[in-house]
PDB file of N, CA and C in Angstrom:
ATOM      1  N   MET A   1      92.032 124.887 103.848  1.00  0.00           N
ATOM      2  CA  MET A   1      93.160 125.103 104.625  1.00  0.00           C
ATOM      3  C   MET A   1      94.487 124.539 103.632  1.00  0.00           C
ATOM      4  N   GLU A   2      95.697 125.097 104.351  1.00  0.00           N
ATOM      5  CA  GLU A   2      96.719 124.897 103.308  1.00  0.00           C
ATOM      6  C   GLU A   2      97.826 123.985 104.209  1.00  0.00           C
ATOM      7  N   THR A   3      98.612 123.034 103.587  1.00  0.00           N
ATOM      8  CA  THR A   3      99.517 122.831 104.548  1.00  0.00           C
ATOM      9  C   THR A   3     100.861 123.637 104.586  1.00  0.00           C
ATOM     10  N   ALA A   4     101.225 123.712 105.893  1.00  0.00           N
ATOM     11  CA  ALA A   4     102.370 124.585 106.068  1.00  0.00           C
ATOM     12  C   ALA A   4     104.021 123.650 105.384  1.00  0.00           C
ATOM     13  N   GLU A   5     104.806 124.908 105.442  1.00  0.00           N
ATOM     14  CA  GLU A   5     106.147 124.156 104.941  1.00  0.00           C
ATOM     15  C   GLU A   5     106.886 123.465 106.015  1.00  0.00           C
ATOM     16  N   PHE A   6     106.384 122.477 106.467  1.00  0.00           N
ATOM     17  CA  PHE A   6     107.252 121.698 107.369  1.00  0.00           C
ATOM     18  C   PHE A   6     106.926 120.229 107.013  1.00  0.00           C
ATOM     19  N   GLU A   7     108.492 119.653 106.830  1.00  0.00           N
ATOM     20  CA  GLU A   7     108.299 118.119 106.671  1.00  0.00           C
ATOM     21  C   GLU A   7     107.681 117.300 108.076  1.00  0.00           C
ATOM     22  N   PRO A   8     107.044 116.186 107.543  1.00  0.00           N
ATOM     23  CA  PRO A   8     106.552 115.333 109.160  1.00  0.00           C
ATOM     24  C   PRO A   8     107.456 114.571 109.378  1.00  0.00           C
ATOM     25  N   GLN A   9     107.476 114.759 110.948  1.00  0.00           N
ATOM     26  CA  GLN A   9     108.487 114.197 111.438  1.00  0.00           C
ATOM     27  C   GLN A   9     108.486 113.144 112.328  1.00  0.00           C
ATOM     28  N   VAL A  10     109.136 111.881 112.549  1.00  0.00           N
ATOM     29  CA  VAL A  10     108.791 110.831 113.752  1.00  0.00           C
ATOM     30  C   VAL A  10     108.923 111.598 114.944  1.00  0.00           C
ATOM     31  N   LEU A  11     108.477 111.553 115.723  1.00  0.00           N
ATOM     32  CA  LEU A  11     108.621 112.123 117.257  1.00  0.00           C
ATOM     33  C   LEU A  11     109.684 111.103 117.995  1.00  0.00           C
ATOM     34  N   ALA A  12     110.196 111.925 118.758  1.00  0.00           N
ATOM     35  CA  ALA A  12     111.600 111.156 119.243  1.00  0.00           C
ATOM     36  C   ALA A  12     111.434 110.222 120.439  1.00  0.00           C
ATOM     37  N   ASN A  13     110.081 110.297 121.019  1.00  0.00           N
ATOM     38  CA  ASN A  13     109.511 109.192 121.837  1.00  0.00           C
ATOM     39  C   ASN A  13     108.899 108.093 120.668  1.00  0.00           C
ATOM     40  N   ARG A  14     108.895 108.074 119.387  1.00  0.00           N
ATOM     41  CA  ARG A  14     108.479 107.318 118.628  1.00  0.00           C
ATOM     42  C   ARG A  14     106.824 106.919 119.087  1.00  0.00           C
ATOM     43  N   HIS A  15     106.230 108.455 119.636  1.00  0.00           N
ATOM     44  CA  HIS A  15     104.244 107.956 119.700  1.00  0.00           C
ATOM     45  C   HIS A  15     103.929 108.532 118.577  1.00  0.00           C
ATOM     46  N   GLY A  16     104.299 109.204 117.769  1.00  0.00           N
ATOM     47  CA  GLY A  16     103.520 109.524 116.262  1.00  0.00           C
ATOM     48  C   GLY A  16     104.224 110.302 115.799  1.00  0.00           C
ATOM     49  N   VAL A  17     103.585 111.039 114.673  1.00  0.00           N
ATOM     50  CA  VAL A  17     104.502 111.687 113.685  1.00  0.00           C
ATOM     51  C   VAL A  17     103.810 112.947 113.741  1.00  0.00           C
ATOM     52  N   ALA A  18     104.680 113.991 113.771  1.00  0.00           N
ATOM     53  CA  ALA A  18     104.548 115.472 113.800  1.00  0.00           C
ATOM     54  C   ALA A  18     104.314 116.028 112.607  1.00  0.00           C
ATOM     55  N   PHE A  19     103.392 117.047 112.605  1.00  0.00           N
ATOM     56  CA  PHE A  19     103.155 117.669 111.125  1.00  0.00           C
ATOM     57  C   PHE A  19     102.261 118.718 111.552  1.00  0.00           C
ATOM     58  N   CYS A  20     102.354 119.880 110.136  1.00  0.00           N
ATOM     59  CA  CYS A  20     101.645 121.278 110.415  1.00  0.00           C
ATOM     60  C   CYS A  20     100.705 121.480 109.597  1.00  0.00           C
ATOM     61  N   LEU A  21      99.766 122.278 110.011  1.00  0.00           N
ATOM     62  CA  LEU A  21      98.352 122.665 108.796  1.00  0.00           C
ATOM     63  C   LEU A  21      98.220 124.070 109.455  1.00  0.00           C
ATOM     64  N   MET A  22      97.533 124.448 108.031  1.00  0.00           N
ATOM     65  CA  MET A  22      97.808 125.875 108.004  1.00  0.00           C
ATOM     66  C   MET A  22      95.930 126.208 108.696  1.00  0.00           C
ATOM     67  N   HIS A  23      95.811 126.940 109.662  1.00  0.00           N
ATOM     68  CA  HIS A  23      94.091 127.135 109.902  1.00  0.00           C
ATOM     69  C   HIS A  23      94.144 128.713 110.073  1.00  0.00           C
ATOM     70  N   ARG A  24      93.300 129.318 109.245  1.00  0.00           N
ATOM     71  CA  ARG A  24      92.951 130.580 109.452  1.00  0.00           C
ATOM     72  C   ARG A  24      94.236 131.642 110.021  1.00  0.00           C
ATOM     73  N   ASN A  25      94.917 131.184 108.802  1.00  0.00           N
ATOM     74  CA  ASN A  25      96.271 132.257 108.521  1.00  0.00           C
ATOM     75  C   ASN A  25      97.268 131.616 109.731  1.00  0.00           C
ATOM     76  N   SER A  26      97.160 130.762 110.481  1.00  0.00           N
ATOM     77  CA  SER A  26      98.197 130.335 111.463  1.00  0.00           C
ATOM     78  C   SER A  26      98.418 128.858 111.470  1.00  0.00           C
ATOM     79  N   THR A  27      99.655 128.769 111.738  1.00  0.00           N
ATOM     80  CA  THR A  27      99.926 127.332 111.626  1.00  0.00           C
ATOM     81  C   THR A  27      99.709 126.244 112.871  1.00  0.00           C
ATOM     82  N   VAL A  28      98.908 125.217 112.842  1.00  0.00           N
ATOM     83  CA  VAL A  28      98.621 124.430 113.998  1.00  0.00           C
ATOM     84  C   VAL A  28      99.632 123.397 114.152  1.00  0.00           C
ATOM     85  N   GLY A  29     100.493 123.182 114.891  1.00  0.00           N
ATOM     86  CA  GLY A  29     101.091 121.608 115.134  1.00  0.00           C
ATOM     87  C   GLY A  29     100.085 120.727 115.269  1.00  0.00           C
ATOM     88  N   CYS A  30     100.275 119.506 114.525  1.00  0.00           N
ATOM     89  CA  CYS A  30      99.699 118.161 114.937  1.00  0.00           C
ATOM     90  C   CYS A  30     100.517 117.180 114.867  1.00  0.00           C
ATOM     91  N   VAL A  31      99.886 116.214 115.522  1.00  0.00           N
ATOM     92  CA  VAL A  31     100.574 114.750 115.798  1.00  0.00           C
ATOM     93  C   VAL A  31      99.298 113.665 115.847  1.00  0.00           C
ATOM     94  N   ILE A  32      99.613 112.937 114.296  1.00  0.00           N
ATOM     95  CA  ILE A  32      98.974 111.587 114.761  1.00  0.00           C
ATOM     96  C   ILE A  32      99.775 110.592 115.448  1.00  0.00           C
ATOM     97  N   THR A  33      99.038 109.924 116.402  1.00  0.00           N
ATOM     98  CA  THR A  33      99.565 108.915 117.163  1.00  0.00           C
ATOM     99  C   THR A  33      99.994 107.709 116.216  1.00  0.00           C
ATOM    100  N   MET A  34     100.865 106.710 116.839  1.00  0.00           N
ATOM    101  CA  MET A  34     101.274 105.467 116.082  1.00  0.00           C
ATOM    102  C   MET A  34     100.105 104.595 116.241  1.00  0.00           C
ATOM    103  N   ALA A  35      99.322 104.713 117.314  1.00  0.00           N
ATOM    104  CA  ALA A  35      98.116 103.866 117.361  1.00  0.00           C
ATOM    105  C   ALA A  35      97.251 104.116 116.517  1.00  0.00           C
ATOM    106  N   ALA A  36      97.098 105.435 115.808  1.00  0.00           N
ATOM    107  CA  ALA A  36      96.191 105.564 114.736  1.00  0.00           C
ATOM    108  C   ALA A  36      96.489 104.788 113.640  1.00  0.00           C
ATOM    109  N   LEU A  37      97.995 105.353 113.500  1.00  0.00           N
ATOM    110  CA  LEU A  37      98.456 104.948 112.002  1.00  0.00           C
ATOM    111  C   LEU A  37      98.516 102.928 112.098  1.00  0.00           C
ATOM    112  N   GLU A  38      98.575 102.397 113.163  1.00  0.00           N
ATOM    113  CA  GLU A  38      98.829 101.133 113.063  1.00  0.00           C
ATOM    114  C   GLU A  38      97.167 100.578 112.947  1.00  0.00           C
ATOM    115  N   ALA A  39      96.326 101.505 113.794  1.00  0.00           N
ATOM    116  CA  ALA A  39      95.069 100.816 113.800  1.00  0.00           C
ATOM    117  C   ALA A  39      94.146 101.137 112.350  1.00  0.00           C
ATOM    118  N   TYR A  40      94.330 102.261 111.736  1.00  0.00           N
ATOM    119  CA  TYR A  40      93.839 102.525 110.535  1.00  0.00           C
ATOM    120  C   TYR A  40      94.329 103.042 109.349  1.00  0.00           C
ATOM    121  N   PHE A  41      96.045 102.693 108.921  1.00  0.00           N
ATOM    122  CA  PHE A  41      96.757 103.019 108.091  1.00  0.00           C
ATOM    123  C   PHE A  41      97.672 101.648 107.788  1.00  0.00           C
ATOM    124  N   TRP A  42      97.357 100.631 108.746  1.00  0.00           N
ATOM    125  CA  TRP A  42      98.239  99.204 108.369  1.00  0.00           C
ATOM    126  C   TRP A  42      99.481  99.375 108.737  1.00  0.00           C
ATOM    127  N   LEU A  43      99.867 100.694 109.342  1.00  0.00           N
ATOM    128  CA  LEU A  43     101.585 100.272 109.678  1.00  0.00           C
ATOM    129  C   LEU A  43     101.602  99.239 110.957  1.00  0.00           C
ATOM    130  N   GLU A  44     102.840  98.538 110.563  1.00  0.00           N
ATOM    131  CA  GLU A  44     103.104  97.419 111.340  1.00  0.00           C
ATOM    132  C   GLU A  44     103.972  97.975 112.533  1.00  0.00           C
ATOM    133  N   PRO A  45     103.313  97.540 113.951  1.00  0.00           N
ATOM    134  CA  PRO A  45     104.381  98.051 115.366  1.00  0.00           C
ATOM    135  C   PRO A  45     105.900  97.827 114.848  1.00  0.00           C
ATOM    136  N   ARG A  46     106.709  98.515 115.614  1.00  0.00           N
ATOM    137  CA  ARG A  46     108.006  98.717 115.465  1.00  0.00           C
ATOM    138  C   ARG A  46     108.397  98.907 113.938  1.00  0.00           C
ATOM    139  N   ALA A  47     107.880  99.642 113.210  1.00  0.00           N
ATOM    140  CA  ALA A  47     108.411 100.067 111.619  1.00  0.00           C
ATOM    141  C   ALA A  47     109.416 100.962 111.983  1.00  0.00           C
ATOM    142  N   SER A  48     110.261 100.889 110.759  1.00  0.00           N
ATOM    143  CA  SER A  48     111.442 101.809 110.566  1.00  0.00           C
ATOM    144  C   SER A  48     110.972 103.397 110.725  1.00  0.00           C
ATOM    145  N   ASP A  49     111.751 104.132 110.959  1.00  0.00           N
ATOM    146  CA  ASP A  49     111.027 105.476 110.794  1.00  0.00           C
ATOM    147  C   ASP A  49     110.728 106.065 109.184  1.00  0.00           C
ATOM    148  N   ALA A  50     111.564 105.466 108.138  1.00  0.00           N
ATOM    149  CA  ALA A  50     111.025 105.439 106.672  1.00  0.00           C
ATOM    150  C   ALA A  50     109.996 104.903 106.368  1.00  0.00           C
ATOM    151  N   ILE A  51     109.584 103.772 106.590  1.00  0.00           N
ATOM    152  CA  ILE A  51     107.990 102.971 106.795  1.00  0.00           C
ATOM    153  C   ILE A  51     107.040 103.812 107.186  1.00  0.00           C
ATOM    154  N   ILE A  52     107.552 104.516 108.625  1.00  0.00           N
ATOM    155  CA  ILE A  52     106.566 105.168 109.288  1.00  0.00           C
ATOM    156  C   ILE A  52     106.216 106.570 108.307  1.00  0.00           C
ATOM    157  N   LEU A  53     106.849 107.197 108.045  1.00  0.00           N
ATOM    158  CA  LEU A  53     106.761 108.511 107.276  1.00  0.00           C
ATOM    159  C   LEU A  53     106.066 108.357 105.590  1.00  0.00           C
ATOM    160  N   LYS A  54     106.519 106.928 105.029  1.00  0.00           N
ATOM    161  CA  LYS A  54     105.818 106.443 103.841  1.00  0.00           C
ATOM    162  C   LYS A  54     104.167 106.293 104.358  1.00  0.00           C
ATOM    163  N   THR A  55     103.882 105.530 105.127  1.00  0.00           N
ATOM    164  CA  THR A  55     102.882 105.319 105.421  1.00  0.00           C
ATOM    165  C   THR A  55     102.104 106.318 105.930  1.00  0.00           C
ATOM    166  N   PHE A  56     102.418 107.692 106.697  1.00  0.00           N
ATOM    167  CA  PHE A  56     101.729 108.871 107.188  1.00  0.00           C
ATOM    168  C   PHE A  56     101.756 109.641 105.747  1.00  0.00           C
ATOM    169  N   ARG A  57     102.584 109.627 104.589  1.00  0.00           N
ATOM    170  CA  ARG A  57     102.257 110.092 103.458  1.00  0.00           C
ATOM    171  C   ARG A  57     101.199 109.491 102.481  1.00  0.00           C
ATOM    172  N   ASP A  58     101.330 108.206 102.713  1.00  0.00           N
ATOM    173  CA  ASP A  58     100.297 107.481 101.536  1.00  0.00           C
ATOM    174  C   ASP A  58      98.830 107.721 102.530  1.00  0.00           C
ATOM    175  N   GLY A  59      98.709 107.841 103.550  1.00  0.00           N
ATOM    176  CA  GLY A  59      97.623 108.468 104.011  1.00  0.00           C
ATOM    177  C   GLY A  59      97.239 110.110 104.355  1.00  0.00           C
ATOM    178  N   TYR A  60      97.817 110.439 103.981  1.00  0.00           N
ATOM    179  CA  TYR A  60      98.010 112.184 104.491  1.00  0.00           C
ATOM    180  C   TYR A  60      96.624 112.622 104.039  1.00  0.00           C
ATOM    181  N   ASN A  61      96.259 112.252 102.671  1.00  0.00           N
ATOM    182  CA  ASN A  61      94.734 113.161 102.371  1.00  0.00           C
ATOM    183  C   ASN A  61      93.680 112.726 103.596  1.00  0.00           C
ATOM    184  N   ARG A  62      93.420 111.803 103.593  1.00  0.00           N
ATOM    185  CA  ARG A  62      92.928 111.214 104.784  1.00  0.00           C
ATOM    186  C   ARG A  62      92.819 111.802 106.621  1.00  0.00           C
ATOM    187  N   ILE A  63      94.348 111.611 106.823  1.00  0.00           N
ATOM    188  CA  ILE A  63      94.927 112.487 108.087  1.00  0.00           C
ATOM    189  C   ILE A  63      94.436 113.809 108.226  1.00  0.00           C
ATOM    190  N   ARG A  64      94.741 114.442 106.746  1.00  0.00           N
ATOM    191  CA  ARG A  64      94.468 116.316 106.900  1.00  0.00           C
ATOM    192  C   ARG A  64      92.968 116.181 106.900  1.00  0.00           C
ATOM    193  N   ALA A  65      92.064 115.737 106.393  1.00  0.00           N
ATOM    194  CA  ALA A  65      90.764 115.864 106.415  1.00  0.00           C
ATOM    195  C   ALA A  65      90.162 115.764 107.479  1.00  0.00           C
ATOM    196  N   ILE A  66      90.866 114.786 108.385  1.00  0.00           N
ATOM    197  CA  ILE A  66      90.308 114.632 109.938  1.00  0.00           C
ATOM    198  C   ILE A  66      90.809 115.782 110.787  1.00  0.00           C
ATOM    199  N   ALA A  67      92.139 115.810 110.526  1.00  0.00           N
ATOM    200  CA  ALA A  67      92.475 117.210 111.275  1.00  0.00           C
ATOM    201  C   ALA A  67      91.989 118.161 110.943  1.00  0.00           C
ATOM    202  N   GLU A  68      91.450 118.509 109.860  1.00  0.00           N
ATOM    203  CA  GLU A  68      90.843 119.836 109.130  1.00  0.00           C
ATOM    204  C   GLU A  68      89.168 119.888 110.197  1.00  0.00           C
ATOM    205  N   ARG A  69      88.674 118.877 109.917  1.00  0.00           N
ATOM    206  CA  ARG A  69      87.452 118.756 110.473  1.00  0.00           C
ATOM    207  C   ARG A  69      87.348 118.951 111.999  1.00  0.00           C
ATOM    208  N   LYS A  70      88.162 118.348 112.720  1.00  0.00           N
ATOM    209  CA  LYS A  70      88.416 118.716 114.245  1.00  0.00           C
ATOM    210  C   LYS A  70      88.931 119.953 114.697  1.00  0.00           C
ATOM    211  N   LEU A  71      89.770 120.663 113.530  1.00  0.00           N
ATOM    212  CA  LEU A  71      89.909 121.816 113.885  1.00  0.00           C
ATOM    213  C   LEU A  71      88.853 122.816 113.838  1.00  0.00           C
ATOM    214  N   LEU A  72      88.224 122.197 112.565  1.00  0.00           N
ATOM    215  CA  LEU A  72      86.879 123.376 112.505  1.00  0.00           C
ATOM    216  C   LEU A  72      85.796 123.163 113.672  1.00  0.00           C
ATOM    217  N   ALA A  73      85.807 122.128 114.468  1.00  0.00           N
ATOM    218  CA  ALA A  73      84.909 122.150 115.277  1.00  0.00           C
ATOM    219  C   ALA A  73      85.176 122.508 116.765  1.00  0.00           C
ATOM    220  N   ARG A  74      86.638 122.285 116.535  1.00  0.00           N
ATOM    221  CA  ARG A  74      87.215 122.691 117.802  1.00  0.00           C
ATOM    222  C   ARG A  74      88.424 123.625 117.309  1.00  0.00           C
ATOM    223  N   PRO A  75      88.814 124.811 117.291  1.00  0.00           N
ATOM    224  CA  PRO A  75      89.922 125.400 116.905  1.00  0.00           C
ATOM    225  C   PRO A  75      90.662 125.537 118.269  1.00  0.00           C
ATOM    226  N   ALA A  76      92.386 125.056 117.718  1.00  0.00           N
ATOM    227  CA  ALA A  76      93.605 124.925 118.878  1.00  0.00           C
ATOM    228  C   ALA A  76      94.429 125.329 118.228  1.00  0.00           C
ATOM    229  N   THR A  77      95.458 125.219 118.946  1.00  0.00           N
ATOM    230  CA  THR A  77      96.798 125.757 118.319  1.00  0.00           C
ATOM    231  C   THR A  77      97.554 124.716 118.596  1.00  0.00           C
ATOM    232  N   ARG A  78      97.433 123.277 118.845  1.00  0.00           N
ATOM    233  CA  ARG A  78      97.927 121.994 118.800  1.00  0.00           C
ATOM    234  C   ARG A  78      96.858 121.094 118.764  1.00  0.00           C
ATOM    235  N   LEU A  79      97.350 119.916 117.656  1.00  0.00           N
ATOM    236  CA  LEU A  79      95.816 119.069 117.502  1.00  0.00           C
ATOM    237  C   LEU A  79      96.608 117.384 117.967  1.00  0.00           C
ATOM    238  N   GLU A  80      96.134 116.514 118.357  1.00  0.00           N
ATOM    239  CA  GLU A  80      96.467 115.355 118.479  1.00  0.00           C
ATOM    240  C   GLU A  80      95.463 114.719 117.575  1.00  0.00           C
ATOM    241  N   LEU A  81      95.723 113.650 116.530  1.00  0.00           N
ATOM    242  CA  LEU A  81      94.720 112.881 116.098  1.00  0.00           C
ATOM    243  C   LEU A  81      95.088 111.273 116.835  1.00  0.00           C
ATOM    244  N   THR A  82      94.168 110.766 117.121  1.00  0.00           N
ATOM    245  CA  THR A  82      94.258 109.386 117.809  1.00  0.00           C
ATOM    246  C   THR A  82      93.156 108.300 117.306  1.00  0.00           C
ATOM    247  N   PRO A  83      93.176 107.120 117.657  1.00  0.00           N
ATOM    248  CA  PRO A  83      92.236 106.154 117.042  1.00  0.00           C
ATOM    249  C   PRO A  83      90.810 106.486 116.976  1.00  0.00           C
ATOM    250  N   SER A  84      90.382 107.207 117.930  1.00  0.00           N
ATOM    251  CA  SER A  84      88.945 107.360 118.064  1.00  0.00           C
ATOM    252  C   SER A  84      88.761 108.735 116.807  1.00  0.00           C
ATOM    253  N   ASP A  85      89.805 109.353 116.850  1.00  0.00           N
ATOM    254  CA  ASP A  85      89.156 110.001 115.405  1.00  0.00           C
ATOM    255  C   ASP A  85      89.077 109.791 114.416  1.00  0.00           C
ATOM    256  N   PHE A  86      89.352 108.513 114.014  1.00  0.00           N
ATOM    257  CA  PHE A  86      89.270 107.792 112.460  1.00  0.00           C
ATOM    258  C   PHE A  86      87.934 106.989 112.755  1.00  0.00           C
ATOM    259  N   ALA A  87      87.500 106.610 114.134  1.00  0.00           N
ATOM    260  CA  ALA A  87      86.646 105.601 114.090  1.00  0.00           C
ATOM    261  C   ALA A  87      85.325 106.070 113.434  1.00  0.00           C
ATOM    262  N   ARG A  88      84.892 105.041 112.725  1.00  0.00           N
ATOM    263  CA  ARG A  88      83.474 105.461 112.143  1.00  0.00           C
ATOM    264  C   ARG A  88      82.146 105.804 113.143  1.00  0.00           C
ATOM    265  N   ARG A  89      81.281 106.764 112.873  1.00  0.00           N
ATOM    266  CA  ARG A  89      80.113 106.760 114.288  1.00  0.00           C
ATOM    267  C   ARG A  89      78.815 106.727 113.596  1.00  0.00           C
TER     268      ARG A  89
END
């Protein structure tokens, strides 16, 4: 899978970061929740947009890997990553 030409953005409601992935020649809109960033990527609560995006970029390889696995298991046109997606099973 490749990433699409789309800059990650903090959602207007500040509940997550939106980003896109290419999956099977189509673009999939993805969101990682703030709860997941706080729980698994050490994001401080009420962080600025700049810090949120830096945290997202620092953890992007892991975030992308989890998103790709989830898409392979259940193809979709939209995907939300929550803390349960990052929990070790």
